Amino acid sequence: MTRRLPQVTARRTVSENRFLTYVEEDLLDRHQKPYTYYQVEAKFDAVLVLPILPDGRLLLERIYRHPYRRYFLEFPAGGIEPSEAPLHAASRELAEETGYRAGTLTSLGSYEAMPGLLRMRLHVVLAQELTAGEQVRHDAMEMLELAPMTVLEAWQHADAEASSSFLVVGLLYYQRHLARESRASPGT
């Protein structure tokens, strides 16, 4: 069955900055009646990096998120520069935010963060064989501290009220990765 896409009759940029564009589009709904749709379009996609320390702990961050006026526990994340590959962006973001370098980077997949409101794809990347690098100097609004913890400890934070999607989704991707690994190598 072929599904018809709604016809867009007009498009307006309401506002924009270096990260996002806020757009309203006039379209015809399934009954061919006018409807105005509002959406946010990111100027770039992003990476969510799952760093695994040599001792098996996860390298998380406590990071300030201004829309909520609070700190969240999250995996490192950041934007993908134009024409930059997701694995390269993951390596760069990991080093910029944590000072660590990854010996191995593995793509675990990608997802649309909020498809009804925001057009931006997040690429999930596993970072292993970490080695400490240079001391990190964060931008003024990058208020974060490193928080290494076990998977169980991270899940306990994820189960808390109003945890970050970057933590929950990252843990789910990691759990799926571990399950696939165990199926691929039975008897270990």
N, C-alpha and C. Protein backbone atom coordinates (compact mmCIF):
# COMPACT_ATOMS: atom_id res chain seq x y z
N MET A 1 0.83 -1.18 0.00
CA MET A 1 0.00 0.00 0.00
C MET A 1 0.88 1.24 0.00
N THR A 2 0.63 2.12 -0.92
CA THR A 2 1.38 3.37 -1.00
C THR A 2 0.66 4.43 -0.18
N ARG A 3 1.40 5.05 0.68
CA ARG A 3 0.82 6.12 1.51
C ARG A 3 1.22 7.46 0.92
N ARG A 4 0.22 8.30 0.74
CA ARG A 4 0.48 9.65 0.22
C ARG A 4 1.01 10.55 1.31
N LEU A 5 2.00 11.32 0.98
CA LEU A 5 2.52 12.32 1.92
C LEU A 5 1.66 13.57 1.83
N PRO A 6 1.44 14.25 2.93
CA PRO A 6 0.67 15.50 2.88
C PRO A 6 1.38 16.53 1.99
N GLN A 7 0.60 17.28 1.25
CA GLN A 7 1.15 18.33 0.40
C GLN A 7 1.48 19.56 1.25
N VAL A 8 2.71 20.03 1.15
CA VAL A 8 3.14 21.24 1.84
C VAL A 8 2.85 22.42 0.92
N THR A 9 2.06 23.38 1.41
CA THR A 9 1.68 24.52 0.58
C THR A 9 2.48 25.78 0.90
N ALA A 10 3.09 25.83 2.07
CA ALA A 10 3.92 26.99 2.43
C ALA A 10 4.85 26.58 3.57
N ARG A 11 6.00 27.27 3.62
CA ARG A 11 6.98 27.00 4.68
C ARG A 11 7.57 28.33 5.13
N ARG A 12 7.63 28.52 6.46
CA ARG A 12 8.17 29.75 7.02
C ARG A 12 9.16 29.42 8.13
N THR A 13 10.28 30.12 8.14
CA THR A 13 11.22 30.02 9.24
C THR A 13 10.80 31.03 10.29
N VAL A 14 10.48 30.55 11.48
CA VAL A 14 10.06 31.43 12.56
C VAL A 14 11.28 32.07 13.21
N SER A 15 12.29 31.25 13.51
CA SER A 15 13.55 31.75 14.06
C SER A 15 14.62 30.69 13.87
N GLU A 16 15.87 31.10 14.03
CA GLU A 16 16.97 30.13 13.92
C GLU A 16 18.20 30.68 14.62
N ASN A 17 19.08 29.74 14.98
CA ASN A 17 20.38 30.08 15.52
C ASN A 17 21.39 29.11 14.92
N ARG A 18 22.59 29.03 15.49
CA ARG A 18 23.61 28.17 14.89
C ARG A 18 23.33 26.68 15.08
N PHE A 19 22.38 26.34 15.96
CA PHE A 19 22.05 24.94 16.24
C PHE A 19 20.76 24.47 15.59
N LEU A 20 19.72 25.33 15.60
CA LEU A 20 18.37 24.90 15.26
C LEU A 20 17.64 25.92 14.39
N THR A 21 16.64 25.42 13.66
CA THR A 21 15.71 26.27 12.94
C THR A 21 14.31 25.89 13.38
N TYR A 22 13.52 26.88 13.77
CA TYR A 22 12.13 26.65 14.15
C TYR A 22 11.27 26.99 12.94
N VAL A 23 10.49 26.02 12.47
CA VAL A 23 9.78 26.13 11.20
C VAL A 23 8.29 25.90 11.42
N GLU A 24 7.47 26.62 10.64
CA GLU A 24 6.05 26.28 10.54
C GLU A 24 5.74 26.03 9.07
N GLU A 25 5.01 24.97 8.83
CA GLU A 25 4.64 24.60 7.46
C GLU A 25 3.13 24.47 7.36
N ASP A 26 2.58 25.01 6.29
CA ASP A 26 1.17 24.81 5.99
C ASP A 26 1.09 23.59 5.08
N LEU A 27 0.19 22.69 5.43
CA LEU A 27 0.02 21.49 4.61
C LEU A 27 -1.46 21.13 4.58
N LEU A 28 -1.77 20.15 3.75
CA LEU A 28 -3.13 19.66 3.66
C LEU A 28 -3.19 18.32 4.39
N ASP A 29 -4.14 18.21 5.34
CA ASP A 29 -4.25 16.97 6.10
C ASP A 29 -4.87 15.87 5.24
N ARG A 30 -5.15 14.73 5.83
CA ARG A 30 -5.64 13.59 5.04
C ARG A 30 -7.02 13.84 4.45
N HIS A 31 -7.74 14.88 4.96
CA HIS A 31 -9.05 15.25 4.41
C HIS A 31 -8.92 16.45 3.47
N GLN A 32 -7.66 16.80 3.14
CA GLN A 32 -7.34 17.93 2.25
C GLN A 32 -7.75 19.27 2.85
N LYS A 33 -7.76 19.35 4.17
CA LYS A 33 -8.03 20.60 4.87
C LYS A 33 -6.70 21.20 5.32
N PRO A 34 -6.59 22.55 5.35
CA PRO A 34 -5.34 23.19 5.75
C PRO A 34 -5.00 22.90 7.21
N TYR A 35 -3.71 22.73 7.46
CA TYR A 35 -3.20 22.45 8.79
C TYR A 35 -1.81 23.08 8.89
N THR A 36 -1.49 23.72 10.01
CA THR A 36 -0.16 24.28 10.21
C THR A 36 0.60 23.38 11.19
N TYR A 37 1.79 22.96 10.76
CA TYR A 37 2.64 22.06 11.55
C TYR A 37 3.88 22.82 11.99
N TYR A 38 4.25 22.68 13.27
CA TYR A 38 5.42 23.35 13.82
C TYR A 38 6.48 22.31 14.14
N GLN A 39 7.72 22.60 13.77
CA GLN A 39 8.79 21.65 14.02
C GLN A 39 10.11 22.38 14.22
N VAL A 40 11.04 21.66 14.86
CA VAL A 40 12.39 22.16 15.05
C VAL A 40 13.30 21.28 14.20
N GLU A 41 14.18 21.91 13.45
CA GLU A 41 15.12 21.18 12.60
C GLU A 41 16.53 21.49 13.07
N ALA A 42 17.24 20.46 13.49
CA ALA A 42 18.63 20.63 13.91
C ALA A 42 19.49 20.93 12.69
N LYS A 43 20.51 21.73 12.87
CA LYS A 43 21.42 22.04 11.76
C LYS A 43 22.40 20.90 11.50
N PHE A 44 22.45 19.94 12.43
CA PHE A 44 23.36 18.80 12.27
C PHE A 44 22.81 17.63 13.09
N ASP A 45 23.23 16.44 12.74
CA ASP A 45 22.92 15.26 13.54
C ASP A 45 23.90 15.21 14.71
N ALA A 46 23.75 14.21 15.56
CA ALA A 46 24.57 14.15 16.76
C ALA A 46 25.00 12.72 17.05
N VAL A 47 25.98 12.58 17.95
CA VAL A 47 26.45 11.28 18.40
C VAL A 47 26.22 11.17 19.90
N LEU A 48 25.95 9.94 20.32
CA LEU A 48 25.86 9.56 21.71
C LEU A 48 26.93 8.50 21.91
N VAL A 49 27.92 8.81 22.75
CA VAL A 49 29.10 7.95 22.90
C VAL A 49 29.00 7.15 24.19
N LEU A 50 29.16 5.81 24.08
CA LEU A 50 29.11 4.93 25.24
C LEU A 50 30.53 4.48 25.57
N PRO A 51 31.27 5.25 26.39
CA PRO A 51 32.65 4.90 26.71
C PRO A 51 32.72 3.83 27.81
N ILE A 52 33.49 2.78 27.55
CA ILE A 52 33.68 1.70 28.50
C ILE A 52 35.13 1.75 28.98
N LEU A 53 35.31 1.99 30.27
CA LEU A 53 36.65 2.04 30.86
C LEU A 53 37.29 0.65 30.86
N PRO A 54 38.62 0.57 30.94
CA PRO A 54 39.29 -0.75 30.94
C PRO A 54 38.80 -1.70 32.03
N ASP A 55 38.31 -1.16 33.15
CA ASP A 55 37.81 -2.03 34.23
C ASP A 55 36.34 -2.43 34.03
N GLY A 56 35.74 -2.03 32.89
CA GLY A 56 34.35 -2.41 32.58
C GLY A 56 33.31 -1.40 33.01
N ARG A 57 33.70 -0.39 33.78
CA ARG A 57 32.74 0.63 34.17
C ARG A 57 32.42 1.54 32.99
N LEU A 58 31.28 2.18 33.07
CA LEU A 58 30.87 3.17 32.07
C LEU A 58 31.43 4.53 32.47
N LEU A 59 31.83 5.31 31.49
CA LEU A 59 32.28 6.67 31.75
C LEU A 59 31.12 7.61 31.43
N LEU A 60 30.45 8.07 32.48
CA LEU A 60 29.30 8.96 32.33
C LEU A 60 29.70 10.37 32.74
N GLU A 61 28.77 11.30 32.51
CA GLU A 61 28.98 12.69 32.89
C GLU A 61 27.78 13.17 33.71
N ARG A 62 28.05 13.99 34.71
CA ARG A 62 27.00 14.78 35.33
C ARG A 62 27.09 16.12 34.63
N ILE A 63 26.02 16.48 33.91
CA ILE A 63 26.06 17.66 33.06
C ILE A 63 24.84 18.54 33.30
N TYR A 64 25.08 19.84 33.35
CA TYR A 64 24.01 20.81 33.57
C TYR A 64 23.22 20.98 32.28
N ARG A 65 21.88 20.88 32.39
CA ARG A 65 20.97 21.09 31.27
C ARG A 65 20.04 22.23 31.63
N HIS A 66 20.29 23.37 31.01
CA HIS A 66 19.60 24.61 31.40
C HIS A 66 18.08 24.56 31.26
N PRO A 67 17.49 23.96 30.22
CA PRO A 67 16.02 23.97 30.16
C PRO A 67 15.36 23.39 31.41
N TYR A 68 16.06 22.51 32.11
CA TYR A 68 15.52 21.89 33.32
C TYR A 68 16.09 22.49 34.60
N ARG A 69 17.10 23.36 34.46
CA ARG A 69 17.75 23.99 35.62
C ARG A 69 18.27 22.95 36.60
N ARG A 70 18.90 21.90 36.03
CA ARG A 70 19.44 20.85 36.89
C ARG A 70 20.51 20.05 36.14
N TYR A 71 21.21 19.24 36.91
CA TYR A 71 22.22 18.35 36.34
C TYR A 71 21.58 16.99 36.04
N PHE A 72 22.03 16.38 34.95
CA PHE A 72 21.60 15.04 34.55
C PHE A 72 22.82 14.14 34.47
N LEU A 73 22.61 12.87 34.65
CA LEU A 73 23.64 11.87 34.40
C LEU A 73 23.44 11.39 32.96
N GLU A 74 24.49 11.49 32.14
CA GLU A 74 24.38 11.16 30.72
C GLU A 74 25.67 10.55 30.20
N PHE A 75 25.57 9.95 29.03
CA PHE A 75 26.74 9.58 28.25
C PHE A 75 27.20 10.83 27.51
N PRO A 76 28.48 10.94 27.16
CA PRO A 76 28.93 12.07 26.35
C PRO A 76 28.18 12.12 25.01
N ALA A 77 27.91 13.32 24.54
CA ALA A 77 27.19 13.49 23.28
C ALA A 77 27.57 14.83 22.68
N GLY A 78 27.32 14.95 21.39
CA GLY A 78 27.60 16.22 20.73
C GLY A 78 27.28 16.16 19.25
N GLY A 79 27.39 17.31 18.62
CA GLY A 79 27.03 17.45 17.22
C GLY A 79 28.06 16.87 16.27
N ILE A 80 27.56 16.48 15.11
CA ILE A 80 28.40 16.01 14.02
C ILE A 80 28.61 17.19 13.08
N GLU A 81 29.84 17.54 12.85
CA GLU A 81 30.16 18.66 11.97
C GLU A 81 29.77 18.32 10.52
N PRO A 82 29.51 19.33 9.69
CA PRO A 82 29.19 19.06 8.28
C PRO A 82 30.28 18.20 7.63
N SER A 83 29.87 17.19 6.93
CA SER A 83 30.72 16.22 6.21
C SER A 83 31.60 15.36 7.13
N GLU A 84 31.33 15.37 8.44
CA GLU A 84 32.07 14.54 9.38
C GLU A 84 31.35 13.20 9.55
N ALA A 85 32.08 12.12 9.59
CA ALA A 85 31.50 10.80 9.80
C ALA A 85 31.14 10.63 11.28
N PRO A 86 30.06 9.90 11.60
CA PRO A 86 29.67 9.73 13.00
C PRO A 86 30.77 9.15 13.89
N LEU A 87 31.56 8.18 13.40
CA LEU A 87 32.63 7.62 14.24
C LEU A 87 33.70 8.66 14.54
N HIS A 88 34.00 9.49 13.57
CA HIS A 88 34.99 10.56 13.79
C HIS A 88 34.44 11.56 14.81
N ALA A 89 33.16 11.91 14.67
CA ALA A 89 32.54 12.84 15.62
C ALA A 89 32.54 12.25 17.03
N ALA A 90 32.29 10.95 17.14
CA ALA A 90 32.30 10.30 18.45
C ALA A 90 33.68 10.38 19.08
N SER A 91 34.72 10.13 18.29
CA SER A 91 36.09 10.21 18.79
C SER A 91 36.41 11.63 19.27
N ARG A 92 36.04 12.61 18.47
CA ARG A 92 36.28 14.01 18.79
C ARG A 92 35.53 14.43 20.05
N GLU A 93 34.23 14.10 20.11
CA GLU A 93 33.42 14.48 21.27
C GLU A 93 33.92 13.82 22.55
N LEU A 94 34.29 12.54 22.46
CA LEU A 94 34.83 11.84 23.62
C LEU A 94 36.07 12.55 24.16
N ALA A 95 36.98 12.90 23.27
CA ALA A 95 38.21 13.58 23.69
C ALA A 95 37.91 14.98 24.25
N GLU A 96 37.03 15.72 23.57
CA GLU A 96 36.71 17.08 24.01
C GLU A 96 36.04 17.11 25.38
N GLU A 97 35.15 16.15 25.63
CA GLU A 97 34.38 16.19 26.87
C GLU A 97 35.04 15.45 28.02
N THR A 98 35.80 14.39 27.73
CA THR A 98 36.33 13.56 28.81
C THR A 98 37.85 13.51 28.87
N GLY A 99 38.52 13.85 27.76
CA GLY A 99 39.97 13.72 27.71
C GLY A 99 40.43 12.32 27.32
N TYR A 100 39.51 11.38 27.17
CA TYR A 100 39.86 10.01 26.81
C TYR A 100 39.89 9.83 25.30
N ARG A 101 40.72 8.89 24.88
CA ARG A 101 40.78 8.45 23.47
C ARG A 101 40.32 7.00 23.43
N ALA A 102 39.65 6.63 22.36
CA ALA A 102 39.17 5.26 22.20
C ALA A 102 40.04 4.51 21.19
N GLY A 103 40.46 3.30 21.56
CA GLY A 103 41.19 2.45 20.63
C GLY A 103 40.26 1.81 19.62
N THR A 104 38.99 1.58 20.03
CA THR A 104 38.00 0.97 19.16
C THR A 104 36.69 1.73 19.26
N LEU A 105 36.12 2.06 18.12
CA LEU A 105 34.80 2.69 18.05
C LEU A 105 33.90 1.79 17.21
N THR A 106 32.70 1.52 17.71
CA THR A 106 31.76 0.65 17.01
C THR A 106 30.40 1.32 16.94
N SER A 107 29.86 1.43 15.75
CA SER A 107 28.52 1.98 15.59
C SER A 107 27.50 0.95 16.07
N LEU A 108 26.60 1.38 16.96
CA LEU A 108 25.56 0.50 17.48
C LEU A 108 24.20 0.78 16.86
N GLY A 109 24.11 1.81 16.03
CA GLY A 109 22.85 2.15 15.38
C GLY A 109 22.56 3.63 15.51
N SER A 110 21.37 4.00 15.08
CA SER A 110 20.95 5.40 15.17
C SER A 110 19.44 5.44 15.38
N TYR A 111 18.98 6.57 15.86
CA TYR A 111 17.54 6.74 16.10
C TYR A 111 17.16 8.21 15.96
N GLU A 112 15.87 8.43 15.77
CA GLU A 112 15.31 9.78 15.71
C GLU A 112 14.84 10.12 17.12
N ALA A 113 15.36 11.20 17.67
CA ALA A 113 15.13 11.52 19.08
C ALA A 113 13.66 11.82 19.39
N MET A 114 13.05 12.71 18.66
CA MET A 114 11.64 13.10 18.87
C MET A 114 11.02 13.36 17.51
N PRO A 115 10.68 12.32 16.76
CA PRO A 115 10.30 12.49 15.35
C PRO A 115 9.08 13.35 15.10
N GLY A 116 8.21 13.56 16.06
CA GLY A 116 7.05 14.41 15.85
C GLY A 116 7.32 15.89 16.04
N LEU A 117 8.49 16.22 16.56
CA LEU A 117 8.81 17.61 16.86
C LEU A 117 10.17 18.04 16.34
N LEU A 118 11.15 17.16 16.44
CA LEU A 118 12.54 17.52 16.14
C LEU A 118 13.09 16.64 15.03
N ARG A 119 13.68 17.27 14.01
CA ARG A 119 14.35 16.50 12.96
C ARG A 119 15.84 16.49 13.26
N MET A 120 16.29 15.37 13.87
CA MET A 120 17.70 15.18 14.18
C MET A 120 17.92 13.70 14.48
N ARG A 121 18.92 13.13 13.85
CA ARG A 121 19.27 11.73 14.09
C ARG A 121 20.43 11.67 15.07
N LEU A 122 20.31 10.74 16.02
CA LEU A 122 21.39 10.48 16.97
C LEU A 122 22.03 9.14 16.63
N HIS A 123 23.34 9.15 16.48
CA HIS A 123 24.12 7.95 16.18
C HIS A 123 24.75 7.48 17.50
N VAL A 124 24.54 6.21 17.83
CA VAL A 124 25.05 5.65 19.08
C VAL A 124 26.34 4.89 18.78
N VAL A 125 27.42 5.24 19.50
CA VAL A 125 28.74 4.69 19.23
C VAL A 125 29.34 4.15 20.52
N LEU A 126 29.79 2.90 20.47
CA LEU A 126 30.48 2.27 21.59
C LEU A 126 31.97 2.61 21.49
N ALA A 127 32.53 3.11 22.57
CA ALA A 127 33.95 3.48 22.63
C ALA A 127 34.65 2.58 23.63
N GLN A 128 35.61 1.77 23.14
CA GLN A 128 36.33 0.83 24.00
C GLN A 128 37.83 1.05 23.89
N GLU A 129 38.57 0.33 24.74
CA GLU A 129 40.03 0.45 24.80
C GLU A 129 40.42 1.91 25.04
N LEU A 130 39.83 2.48 26.09
CA LEU A 130 40.06 3.90 26.40
C LEU A 130 41.41 4.11 27.05
N THR A 131 42.03 5.21 26.67
CA THR A 131 43.25 5.67 27.32
C THR A 131 43.07 7.15 27.66
N ALA A 132 43.61 7.53 28.80
CA ALA A 132 43.50 8.93 29.23
C ALA A 132 44.34 9.80 28.31
N GLY A 133 43.80 10.95 27.97
CA GLY A 133 44.51 11.90 27.11
C GLY A 133 44.84 13.16 27.86
N GLU A 134 44.67 14.28 27.17
CA GLU A 134 45.01 15.58 27.74
C GLU A 134 43.95 16.05 28.73
N GLN A 135 44.34 17.02 29.58
CA GLN A 135 43.40 17.69 30.47
C GLN A 135 42.39 18.44 29.61
N VAL A 136 41.12 18.38 29.99
CA VAL A 136 40.05 18.98 29.20
C VAL A 136 39.74 20.38 29.69
N ARG A 137 39.53 21.30 28.74
CA ARG A 137 39.08 22.65 29.06
C ARG A 137 37.72 22.83 28.40
N HIS A 138 36.68 22.91 29.23
CA HIS A 138 35.31 23.01 28.70
C HIS A 138 34.92 24.45 28.42
N ASP A 139 33.98 24.61 27.49
CA ASP A 139 33.38 25.91 27.23
C ASP A 139 32.65 26.37 28.49
N ALA A 140 32.34 27.66 28.56
CA ALA A 140 31.72 28.24 29.76
C ALA A 140 30.43 27.53 30.15
N MET A 141 29.59 27.14 29.21
CA MET A 141 28.32 26.50 29.53
C MET A 141 28.39 24.98 29.51
N GLU A 142 29.57 24.43 29.32
CA GLU A 142 29.76 22.98 29.44
C GLU A 142 30.11 22.68 30.89
N MET A 143 29.09 22.63 31.71
CA MET A 143 29.30 22.39 33.13
C MET A 143 29.08 20.91 33.37
N LEU A 144 30.21 20.18 33.46
CA LEU A 144 30.11 18.74 33.62
C LEU A 144 31.27 18.21 34.42
N GLU A 145 31.03 17.05 35.01
CA GLU A 145 32.10 16.32 35.70
C GLU A 145 31.94 14.86 35.33
N LEU A 146 33.05 14.16 35.28
CA LEU A 146 33.03 12.74 34.92
C LEU A 146 32.50 11.92 36.09
N ALA A 147 31.74 10.88 35.76
CA ALA A 147 31.12 10.04 36.78
C ALA A 147 31.21 8.57 36.36
N PRO A 148 32.38 7.93 36.54
CA PRO A 148 32.48 6.51 36.21
C PRO A 148 31.60 5.68 37.14
N MET A 149 30.92 4.71 36.59
CA MET A 149 30.10 3.82 37.43
C MET A 149 29.80 2.52 36.71
N THR A 150 29.37 1.55 37.49
CA THR A 150 29.02 0.26 36.92
C THR A 150 27.71 0.38 36.15
N VAL A 151 27.44 -0.63 35.34
CA VAL A 151 26.18 -0.66 34.60
C VAL A 151 25.00 -0.67 35.56
N LEU A 152 25.10 -1.45 36.64
CA LEU A 152 24.03 -1.51 37.63
C LEU A 152 23.78 -0.14 38.26
N GLU A 153 24.85 0.55 38.63
CA GLU A 153 24.70 1.89 39.21
C GLU A 153 24.05 2.84 38.21
N ALA A 154 24.44 2.74 36.94
CA ALA A 154 23.85 3.60 35.92
C ALA A 154 22.36 3.32 35.76
N TRP A 155 21.99 2.02 35.77
CA TRP A 155 20.56 1.67 35.67
C TRP A 155 19.79 2.20 36.88
N GLN A 156 20.40 2.21 38.04
CA GLN A 156 19.72 2.75 39.22
C GLN A 156 19.42 4.24 39.02
N HIS A 157 20.35 4.97 38.42
CA HIS A 157 20.11 6.39 38.10
C HIS A 157 19.05 6.52 37.02
N ALA A 158 19.09 5.63 36.03
CA ALA A 158 18.12 5.68 34.94
C ALA A 158 16.70 5.42 35.44
N ASP A 159 16.59 4.62 36.50
CA ASP A 159 15.27 4.32 37.07
C ASP A 159 14.74 5.46 37.93
N ALA A 160 15.59 6.42 38.22
CA ALA A 160 15.17 7.56 39.04
C ALA A 160 14.20 8.43 38.25
N GLU A 161 13.50 9.27 38.97
CA GLU A 161 12.53 10.17 38.34
C GLU A 161 13.23 11.12 37.37
N ALA A 162 12.65 11.27 36.20
CA ALA A 162 13.11 12.23 35.18
C ALA A 162 14.58 12.10 34.83
N SER A 163 14.99 10.90 34.44
CA SER A 163 16.37 10.73 33.99
C SER A 163 16.49 11.14 32.53
N SER A 164 17.70 11.40 32.08
CA SER A 164 17.96 11.85 30.72
C SER A 164 17.79 10.71 29.72
N SER A 165 17.21 11.04 28.57
CA SER A 165 17.08 10.04 27.50
C SER A 165 18.46 9.60 27.02
N PHE A 166 19.47 10.46 27.13
CA PHE A 166 20.82 10.06 26.72
C PHE A 166 21.35 8.93 27.59
N LEU A 167 20.97 8.89 28.86
CA LEU A 167 21.37 7.79 29.73
C LEU A 167 20.55 6.54 29.42
N VAL A 168 19.25 6.67 29.39
CA VAL A 168 18.37 5.51 29.20
C VAL A 168 18.60 4.86 27.83
N VAL A 169 18.60 5.65 26.78
CA VAL A 169 18.79 5.09 25.43
C VAL A 169 20.19 4.49 25.31
N GLY A 170 21.18 5.15 25.86
CA GLY A 170 22.54 4.61 25.81
C GLY A 170 22.63 3.26 26.50
N LEU A 171 22.01 3.15 27.67
CA LEU A 171 22.02 1.87 28.39
C LEU A 171 21.29 0.78 27.61
N LEU A 172 20.18 1.14 26.98
CA LEU A 172 19.43 0.16 26.19
C LEU A 172 20.25 -0.33 25.00
N TYR A 173 20.92 0.59 24.31
CA TYR A 173 21.78 0.19 23.19
C TYR A 173 22.93 -0.70 23.68
N TYR A 174 23.50 -0.36 24.83
CA TYR A 174 24.60 -1.15 25.37
C TYR A 174 24.11 -2.55 25.76
N GLN A 175 22.94 -2.60 26.40
CA GLN A 175 22.37 -3.89 26.78
C GLN A 175 22.11 -4.76 25.54
N ARG A 176 21.58 -4.15 24.48
CA ARG A 176 21.34 -4.89 23.23
C ARG A 176 22.66 -5.39 22.65
N HIS A 177 23.69 -4.53 22.69
CA HIS A 177 25.00 -4.92 22.18
C HIS A 177 25.55 -6.13 22.94
N LEU A 178 25.45 -6.10 24.28
CA LEU A 178 25.94 -7.21 25.09
C LEU A 178 25.16 -8.49 24.79
N ALA A 179 23.86 -8.38 24.61
CA ALA A 179 23.04 -9.56 24.29
C ALA A 179 23.44 -10.15 22.94
N ARG A 180 23.68 -9.29 21.96
CA ARG A 180 24.10 -9.78 20.64
C ARG A 180 25.47 -10.45 20.72
N GLU A 181 26.36 -9.85 21.51
CA GLU A 181 27.70 -10.43 21.68
C GLU A 181 27.63 -11.83 22.31
N SER A 182 26.78 -11.99 23.32
CA SER A 182 26.68 -13.27 24.00
C SER A 182 26.06 -14.33 23.09
N ARG A 183 25.13 -13.95 22.21
CA ARG A 183 24.56 -14.90 21.25
C ARG A 183 25.57 -15.28 20.18
N ALA A 184 26.44 -14.33 19.83
CA ALA A 184 27.45 -14.58 18.78
C ALA A 184 28.56 -15.49 19.25
N SER A 185 28.81 -15.54 20.57
CA SER A 185 29.89 -16.38 21.09
C SER A 185 29.37 -17.28 22.21
N PRO A 186 28.56 -18.31 21.84
CA PRO A 186 28.02 -19.20 22.87
C PRO A 186 29.14 -20.01 23.54
N GLY A 187 28.91 -20.35 24.78
CA GLY A 187 29.90 -21.17 25.49
C GLY A 187 30.97 -20.37 26.20
N THR A 188 30.85 -19.04 26.17
CA THR A 188 31.83 -18.24 26.91
C THR A 188 31.19 -17.64 28.12
